[in-house]
Amino acid sequence: MSGLTLAQARAVLDGALAAARAAGFRPMGVVVVDAAGQPVASAREDGATALRLEIALGKAGAAIGMGASSRTLAERAQGLPAFFQAVAATASQPFIPQTGALLLRDAQGRVLGAAGASGGTGDEDEQIVRAGAEAAGLGTA
């Protein structure tokens, strides 16, 4: 497998949104990006507020850009706020180091992309992204 396919990205997206509905979370936005940080699939549920996709994209962009989950980045940002502010200000892609995005890995552990969600708490966002990855048969980090 050379990269994230559209079918995989859609499976992540559909799985994440199904998990959000099953858990009764607020309406969500989910974005799946490839290894270059480019969006492959995205959706904003009915009733989700206007910025949900932009926030989800920023979380996924931060994860793929830094090679770590957005939870890990949020923790690192607490100790290095000036560095993370500088990265966010100069990055060519949206960069939001807040919990709610995970790297997507193939069976060999290679990073294929990332998925980010927005609409719930960071923990809820991360929970549905993990569920989406599992539904697509992908690993997370």
N, C-alpha and C. Protein backbone atom coordinates (compact mmCIF):
# COMPACT_ATOMS: atom_id res chain seq x y z
N MET A 1 0.84 -1.17 0.00
CA MET A 1 0.00 0.00 0.00
C MET A 1 0.89 1.24 0.00
N SER A 2 0.64 2.13 -0.91
CA SER A 2 1.52 3.29 -1.02
C SER A 2 0.98 4.53 -0.35
N GLY A 3 -0.30 4.59 -0.10
CA GLY A 3 -0.84 5.79 0.53
C GLY A 3 -2.29 5.58 0.93
N LEU A 4 -2.83 6.56 1.57
CA LEU A 4 -4.21 6.53 2.01
C LEU A 4 -5.13 6.59 0.80
N THR A 5 -6.05 5.65 0.70
CA THR A 5 -6.99 5.64 -0.41
C THR A 5 -8.25 6.41 -0.04
N LEU A 6 -8.99 6.81 -1.05
CA LEU A 6 -10.26 7.47 -0.82
C LEU A 6 -11.21 6.55 -0.08
N ALA A 7 -11.21 5.27 -0.43
CA ALA A 7 -12.08 4.31 0.25
C ALA A 7 -11.75 4.23 1.74
N GLN A 8 -10.46 4.21 2.07
CA GLN A 8 -10.07 4.19 3.48
C GLN A 8 -10.48 5.47 4.19
N ALA A 9 -10.26 6.59 3.55
CA ALA A 9 -10.62 7.87 4.15
C ALA A 9 -12.12 7.95 4.40
N ARG A 10 -12.91 7.49 3.45
CA ARG A 10 -14.36 7.49 3.64
C ARG A 10 -14.78 6.54 4.75
N ALA A 11 -14.10 5.41 4.86
CA ALA A 11 -14.41 4.46 5.94
C ALA A 11 -14.10 5.08 7.30
N VAL A 12 -12.98 5.79 7.40
CA VAL A 12 -12.65 6.49 8.65
C VAL A 12 -13.74 7.51 8.96
N LEU A 13 -14.08 8.31 7.99
CA LEU A 13 -15.09 9.35 8.15
C LEU A 13 -16.43 8.76 8.59
N ASP A 14 -16.90 7.75 7.86
CA ASP A 14 -18.19 7.14 8.18
C ASP A 14 -18.17 6.48 9.55
N GLY A 15 -17.08 5.80 9.87
CA GLY A 15 -16.96 5.15 11.17
C GLY A 15 -16.94 6.15 12.31
N ALA A 16 -16.26 7.26 12.11
CA ALA A 16 -16.20 8.30 13.14
C ALA A 16 -17.58 8.91 13.38
N LEU A 17 -18.27 9.23 12.30
CA LEU A 17 -19.59 9.84 12.47
C LEU A 17 -20.59 8.85 13.07
N ALA A 18 -20.50 7.58 12.70
CA ALA A 18 -21.37 6.56 13.29
C ALA A 18 -21.10 6.46 14.79
N ALA A 19 -19.84 6.52 15.18
CA ALA A 19 -19.50 6.46 16.60
C ALA A 19 -20.04 7.67 17.35
N ALA A 20 -19.99 8.83 16.72
CA ALA A 20 -20.52 10.05 17.35
C ALA A 20 -22.01 9.93 17.58
N ARG A 21 -22.71 9.42 16.59
CA ARG A 21 -24.17 9.25 16.73
C ARG A 21 -24.49 8.20 17.79
N ALA A 22 -23.76 7.10 17.80
CA ALA A 22 -24.01 6.03 18.77
C ALA A 22 -23.79 6.52 20.20
N ALA A 23 -22.83 7.43 20.38
CA ALA A 23 -22.51 7.95 21.70
C ALA A 23 -23.39 9.14 22.09
N GLY A 24 -24.15 9.67 21.14
CA GLY A 24 -25.00 10.82 21.42
C GLY A 24 -24.27 12.13 21.55
N PHE A 25 -23.10 12.24 20.90
CA PHE A 25 -22.33 13.48 20.95
C PHE A 25 -23.00 14.57 20.12
N ARG A 26 -22.59 15.80 20.37
CA ARG A 26 -23.08 16.93 19.57
C ARG A 26 -22.66 16.72 18.11
N PRO A 27 -23.30 17.42 17.18
CA PRO A 27 -22.94 17.29 15.76
C PRO A 27 -21.45 17.59 15.54
N MET A 28 -20.82 16.76 14.73
CA MET A 28 -19.38 16.79 14.54
C MET A 28 -18.97 17.18 13.12
N GLY A 29 -17.72 17.62 13.03
CA GLY A 29 -17.03 17.75 11.76
C GLY A 29 -15.82 16.84 11.81
N VAL A 30 -15.56 16.11 10.73
CA VAL A 30 -14.43 15.20 10.66
C VAL A 30 -13.69 15.43 9.36
N VAL A 31 -12.36 15.46 9.43
CA VAL A 31 -11.52 15.61 8.25
C VAL A 31 -10.45 14.53 8.27
N VAL A 32 -10.22 13.90 7.12
CA VAL A 32 -9.17 12.90 6.96
C VAL A 32 -8.18 13.47 5.93
N VAL A 33 -6.90 13.52 6.32
CA VAL A 33 -5.86 14.04 5.42
C VAL A 33 -4.87 12.93 5.08
N ASP A 34 -4.18 13.09 3.96
CA ASP A 34 -3.14 12.13 3.57
C ASP A 34 -1.82 12.50 4.24
N ALA A 35 -0.77 11.79 3.89
CA ALA A 35 0.53 12.00 4.52
C ALA A 35 1.13 13.37 4.22
N ALA A 36 0.62 14.04 3.20
CA ALA A 36 1.07 15.40 2.90
C ALA A 36 0.18 16.46 3.55
N GLY A 37 -0.78 16.02 4.35
CA GLY A 37 -1.66 16.95 5.02
C GLY A 37 -2.79 17.49 4.15
N GLN A 38 -3.00 16.87 3.00
CA GLN A 38 -4.05 17.32 2.09
C GLN A 38 -5.36 16.59 2.38
N PRO A 39 -6.48 17.30 2.45
CA PRO A 39 -7.76 16.66 2.74
C PRO A 39 -8.13 15.63 1.67
N VAL A 40 -8.58 14.47 2.14
CA VAL A 40 -9.05 13.40 1.26
C VAL A 40 -10.56 13.25 1.40
N ALA A 41 -11.06 13.37 2.62
CA ALA A 41 -12.50 13.27 2.87
C ALA A 41 -12.86 14.13 4.07
N SER A 42 -14.03 14.73 4.03
CA SER A 42 -14.50 15.54 5.15
C SER A 42 -16.01 15.62 5.13
N ALA A 43 -16.57 15.83 6.30
CA ALA A 43 -18.02 16.01 6.41
C ALA A 43 -18.32 16.77 7.69
N ARG A 44 -19.36 17.59 7.59
CA ARG A 44 -19.87 18.32 8.75
C ARG A 44 -21.32 17.91 8.91
N GLU A 45 -21.64 17.34 10.07
CA GLU A 45 -22.99 16.85 10.29
C GLU A 45 -24.00 18.00 10.35
N ASP A 46 -25.23 17.67 10.03
CA ASP A 46 -26.31 18.64 10.18
C ASP A 46 -26.31 19.18 11.60
N GLY A 47 -26.37 20.48 11.73
CA GLY A 47 -26.41 21.11 13.04
C GLY A 47 -25.04 21.45 13.61
N ALA A 48 -23.96 20.99 12.98
CA ALA A 48 -22.62 21.33 13.47
C ALA A 48 -22.34 22.80 13.16
N THR A 49 -21.65 23.46 14.05
CA THR A 49 -21.37 24.87 13.84
C THR A 49 -20.38 25.09 12.70
N ALA A 50 -20.31 26.30 12.24
CA ALA A 50 -19.62 26.64 10.99
C ALA A 50 -18.13 26.32 10.96
N LEU A 51 -17.43 26.40 12.05
CA LEU A 51 -15.97 26.22 12.03
C LEU A 51 -15.52 24.79 12.28
N ARG A 52 -16.42 23.85 12.41
CA ARG A 52 -16.05 22.48 12.76
C ARG A 52 -15.04 21.87 11.79
N LEU A 53 -15.23 22.04 10.49
CA LEU A 53 -14.30 21.45 9.53
C LEU A 53 -12.93 22.11 9.59
N GLU A 54 -12.91 23.43 9.75
CA GLU A 54 -11.63 24.12 9.82
C GLU A 54 -10.84 23.68 11.06
N ILE A 55 -11.54 23.52 12.18
CA ILE A 55 -10.87 23.08 13.40
C ILE A 55 -10.38 21.65 13.26
N ALA A 56 -11.22 20.77 12.72
CA ALA A 56 -10.82 19.38 12.51
C ALA A 56 -9.61 19.29 11.57
N LEU A 57 -9.61 20.10 10.53
CA LEU A 57 -8.47 20.13 9.60
C LEU A 57 -7.21 20.61 10.30
N GLY A 58 -7.33 21.62 11.14
CA GLY A 58 -6.17 22.12 11.88
C GLY A 58 -5.61 21.09 12.84
N LYS A 59 -6.47 20.32 13.47
CA LYS A 59 -6.00 19.26 14.37
C LYS A 59 -5.30 18.16 13.57
N ALA A 60 -5.92 17.73 12.47
CA ALA A 60 -5.30 16.69 11.63
C ALA A 60 -3.99 17.20 11.03
N GLY A 61 -3.97 18.46 10.60
CA GLY A 61 -2.76 19.05 10.04
C GLY A 61 -1.63 19.11 11.04
N ALA A 62 -1.95 19.43 12.29
CA ALA A 62 -0.92 19.45 13.33
C ALA A 62 -0.37 18.05 13.57
N ALA A 63 -1.27 17.06 13.63
CA ALA A 63 -0.82 15.69 13.87
C ALA A 63 0.10 15.20 12.76
N ILE A 64 -0.30 15.36 11.51
CA ILE A 64 0.52 14.85 10.41
C ILE A 64 1.79 15.70 10.27
N GLY A 65 1.68 16.98 10.50
CA GLY A 65 2.84 17.86 10.35
C GLY A 65 3.93 17.63 11.38
N MET A 66 3.53 17.22 12.57
CA MET A 66 4.50 17.00 13.65
C MET A 66 4.72 15.52 13.95
N GLY A 67 3.96 14.64 13.28
CA GLY A 67 4.17 13.20 13.46
C GLY A 67 3.76 12.66 14.80
N ALA A 68 2.71 13.25 15.40
CA ALA A 68 2.24 12.82 16.71
C ALA A 68 0.76 13.14 16.85
N SER A 69 0.10 12.43 17.75
CA SER A 69 -1.32 12.73 17.99
C SER A 69 -1.46 14.16 18.48
N SER A 70 -2.61 14.74 18.25
CA SER A 70 -2.81 16.11 18.71
C SER A 70 -2.86 16.17 20.24
N ARG A 71 -3.21 15.08 20.91
CA ARG A 71 -3.15 15.04 22.38
C ARG A 71 -1.70 15.24 22.84
N THR A 72 -0.78 14.52 22.21
CA THR A 72 0.63 14.66 22.54
C THR A 72 1.11 16.08 22.26
N LEU A 73 0.67 16.65 21.15
CA LEU A 73 1.07 18.01 20.81
C LEU A 73 0.52 19.02 21.80
N ALA A 74 -0.72 18.83 22.24
CA ALA A 74 -1.32 19.74 23.23
C ALA A 74 -0.51 19.71 24.53
N GLU A 75 -0.07 18.51 24.92
CA GLU A 75 0.76 18.39 26.12
C GLU A 75 2.10 19.10 25.93
N ARG A 76 2.71 18.90 24.77
CA ARG A 76 4.00 19.56 24.50
C ARG A 76 3.86 21.07 24.43
N ALA A 77 2.75 21.53 23.89
CA ALA A 77 2.52 22.97 23.74
C ALA A 77 2.45 23.69 25.07
N GLN A 78 2.02 22.99 26.11
CA GLN A 78 1.96 23.62 27.44
C GLN A 78 3.35 24.04 27.91
N GLY A 79 4.35 23.25 27.57
CA GLY A 79 5.71 23.57 28.00
C GLY A 79 6.47 24.46 27.03
N LEU A 80 6.00 24.54 25.80
CA LEU A 80 6.68 25.34 24.77
C LEU A 80 5.69 26.24 24.02
N PRO A 81 4.97 27.08 24.73
CA PRO A 81 3.92 27.86 24.06
C PRO A 81 4.43 28.76 22.94
N ALA A 82 5.57 29.38 23.12
CA ALA A 82 6.09 30.28 22.09
C ALA A 82 6.42 29.51 20.81
N PHE A 83 7.01 28.33 20.97
CA PHE A 83 7.34 27.50 19.81
C PHE A 83 6.08 27.12 19.05
N PHE A 84 5.08 26.63 19.75
CA PHE A 84 3.87 26.18 19.07
C PHE A 84 3.09 27.35 18.47
N GLN A 85 3.13 28.51 19.09
CA GLN A 85 2.51 29.69 18.49
C GLN A 85 3.22 30.08 17.21
N ALA A 86 4.55 29.97 17.22
CA ALA A 86 5.32 30.30 16.02
C ALA A 86 5.02 29.32 14.89
N VAL A 87 4.94 28.03 15.22
CA VAL A 87 4.61 27.04 14.20
C VAL A 87 3.24 27.33 13.62
N ALA A 88 2.25 27.57 14.47
CA ALA A 88 0.89 27.85 13.99
C ALA A 88 0.86 29.09 13.10
N ALA A 89 1.66 30.08 13.44
CA ALA A 89 1.66 31.33 12.66
C ALA A 89 2.37 31.18 11.32
N THR A 90 3.35 30.26 11.23
CA THR A 90 4.13 30.17 10.00
C THR A 90 3.83 28.94 9.15
N ALA A 91 3.09 27.98 9.69
CA ALA A 91 2.79 26.77 8.93
C ALA A 91 1.98 27.10 7.68
N SER A 92 2.23 26.39 6.61
CA SER A 92 1.50 26.63 5.37
C SER A 92 0.14 25.94 5.37
N GLN A 93 -0.13 25.15 6.39
CA GLN A 93 -1.41 24.46 6.54
C GLN A 93 -1.97 24.81 7.91
N PRO A 94 -3.27 24.67 8.09
CA PRO A 94 -3.83 24.91 9.42
C PRO A 94 -3.14 24.03 10.47
N PHE A 95 -2.91 24.58 11.65
CA PHE A 95 -2.15 23.89 12.69
C PHE A 95 -2.79 24.21 14.04
N ILE A 96 -3.51 23.23 14.59
CA ILE A 96 -4.16 23.41 15.88
C ILE A 96 -3.77 22.23 16.77
N PRO A 97 -2.84 22.43 17.69
CA PRO A 97 -2.39 21.34 18.55
C PRO A 97 -3.31 21.12 19.75
N GLN A 98 -4.51 20.64 19.47
CA GLN A 98 -5.50 20.36 20.51
C GLN A 98 -6.02 18.94 20.34
N THR A 99 -6.35 18.28 21.42
CA THR A 99 -6.80 16.90 21.39
C THR A 99 -7.97 16.71 20.43
N GLY A 100 -7.88 15.64 19.63
CA GLY A 100 -8.96 15.31 18.71
C GLY A 100 -8.50 14.81 17.37
N ALA A 101 -7.20 14.55 17.19
CA ALA A 101 -6.69 14.02 15.93
C ALA A 101 -5.67 12.93 16.21
N LEU A 102 -5.67 11.92 15.35
CA LEU A 102 -4.73 10.80 15.46
C LEU A 102 -4.10 10.53 14.11
N LEU A 103 -2.87 10.03 14.14
CA LEU A 103 -2.23 9.54 12.93
C LEU A 103 -2.90 8.24 12.52
N LEU A 104 -2.97 8.00 11.23
CA LEU A 104 -3.52 6.76 10.67
C LEU A 104 -2.38 5.92 10.13
N ARG A 105 -2.31 4.66 10.55
CA ARG A 105 -1.20 3.78 10.15
C ARG A 105 -1.72 2.53 9.47
N ASP A 106 -0.91 2.01 8.53
CA ASP A 106 -1.25 0.74 7.88
C ASP A 106 -0.78 -0.42 8.76
N ALA A 107 -0.97 -1.64 8.28
CA ALA A 107 -0.63 -2.83 9.06
C ALA A 107 0.86 -2.91 9.37
N GLN A 108 1.71 -2.28 8.56
CA GLN A 108 3.15 -2.29 8.79
C GLN A 108 3.60 -1.12 9.68
N GLY A 109 2.65 -0.30 10.11
CA GLY A 109 2.97 0.82 10.98
C GLY A 109 3.33 2.10 10.26
N ARG A 110 3.26 2.11 8.93
CA ARG A 110 3.57 3.33 8.16
C ARG A 110 2.43 4.34 8.30
N VAL A 111 2.81 5.60 8.46
CA VAL A 111 1.82 6.66 8.56
C VAL A 111 1.24 6.93 7.18
N LEU A 112 -0.08 6.82 7.08
CA LEU A 112 -0.78 7.08 5.82
C LEU A 112 -1.41 8.46 5.80
N GLY A 113 -1.69 9.00 6.97
CA GLY A 113 -2.36 10.28 7.06
C GLY A 113 -2.79 10.53 8.49
N ALA A 114 -3.82 11.34 8.65
CA ALA A 114 -4.34 11.65 9.98
C ALA A 114 -5.83 11.97 9.84
N ALA A 115 -6.53 11.84 10.95
CA ALA A 115 -7.94 12.22 10.99
C ALA A 115 -8.16 13.09 12.21
N GLY A 116 -8.94 14.13 12.03
CA GLY A 116 -9.27 15.04 13.13
C GLY A 116 -10.76 15.26 13.20
N ALA A 117 -11.24 15.52 14.39
CA ALA A 117 -12.66 15.78 14.60
C ALA A 117 -12.82 17.01 15.47
N SER A 118 -13.99 17.63 15.36
CA SER A 118 -14.32 18.79 16.18
C SER A 118 -15.83 18.83 16.37
N GLY A 119 -16.23 19.18 17.57
CA GLY A 119 -17.64 19.31 17.87
C GLY A 119 -17.95 18.92 19.30
N GLY A 120 -17.16 18.01 19.83
CA GLY A 120 -17.33 17.59 21.21
C GLY A 120 -16.16 18.06 22.04
N THR A 121 -15.96 17.40 23.17
CA THR A 121 -14.74 17.67 23.93
C THR A 121 -13.58 17.06 23.16
N GLY A 122 -12.37 17.39 23.52
CA GLY A 122 -11.22 16.78 22.87
C GLY A 122 -11.23 15.27 23.00
N ASP A 123 -11.61 14.78 24.17
CA ASP A 123 -11.68 13.34 24.39
C ASP A 123 -12.73 12.70 23.48
N GLU A 124 -13.88 13.34 23.34
CA GLU A 124 -14.92 12.82 22.45
C GLU A 124 -14.45 12.82 21.00
N ASP A 125 -13.81 13.91 20.60
CA ASP A 125 -13.30 14.01 19.23
C ASP A 125 -12.30 12.89 18.96
N GLU A 126 -11.38 12.67 19.89
CA GLU A 126 -10.39 11.61 19.73
C GLU A 126 -11.05 10.23 19.71
N GLN A 127 -12.05 10.04 20.56
CA GLN A 127 -12.76 8.76 20.62
C GLN A 127 -13.38 8.39 19.28
N ILE A 128 -14.02 9.36 18.62
CA ILE A 128 -14.67 9.01 17.35
C ILE A 128 -13.65 8.81 16.23
N VAL A 129 -12.55 9.55 16.28
CA VAL A 129 -11.50 9.34 15.27
C VAL A 129 -10.91 7.93 15.41
N ARG A 130 -10.68 7.51 16.65
CA ARG A 130 -10.16 6.16 16.89
C ARG A 130 -11.15 5.11 16.37
N ALA A 131 -12.43 5.32 16.64
CA ALA A 131 -13.46 4.40 16.15
C ALA A 131 -13.50 4.37 14.63
N GLY A 132 -13.32 5.51 14.00
CA GLY A 132 -13.29 5.57 12.55
C GLY A 132 -12.12 4.82 11.97
N ALA A 133 -10.96 4.97 12.57
CA ALA A 133 -9.77 4.24 12.12
C ALA A 133 -9.98 2.74 12.25
N GLU A 134 -10.54 2.32 13.39
CA GLU A 134 -10.81 0.89 13.59
C GLU A 134 -11.78 0.37 12.55
N ALA A 135 -12.81 1.16 12.25
CA ALA A 135 -13.79 0.75 11.23
C ALA A 135 -13.15 0.58 9.87
N ALA A 136 -12.10 1.35 9.61
CA ALA A 136 -11.40 1.28 8.32
C ALA A 136 -10.28 0.24 8.33
N GLY A 137 -10.06 -0.40 9.47
CA GLY A 137 -8.99 -1.39 9.57
C GLY A 137 -7.61 -0.78 9.66
N LEU A 138 -7.53 0.45 10.16
CA LEU A 138 -6.25 1.15 10.28
C LEU A 138 -5.86 1.29 11.74
N GLY A 139 -4.57 1.38 11.98
CA GLY A 139 -4.05 1.64 13.30
C GLY A 139 -3.97 3.14 13.55
N THR A 140 -3.76 3.51 14.80
CA THR A 140 -3.65 4.92 15.15
C THR A 140 -2.42 5.13 16.03
N ALA A 141 -2.04 6.38 16.11
CA ALA A 141 -0.96 6.79 17.02
C ALA A 141 -1.19 8.23 17.40
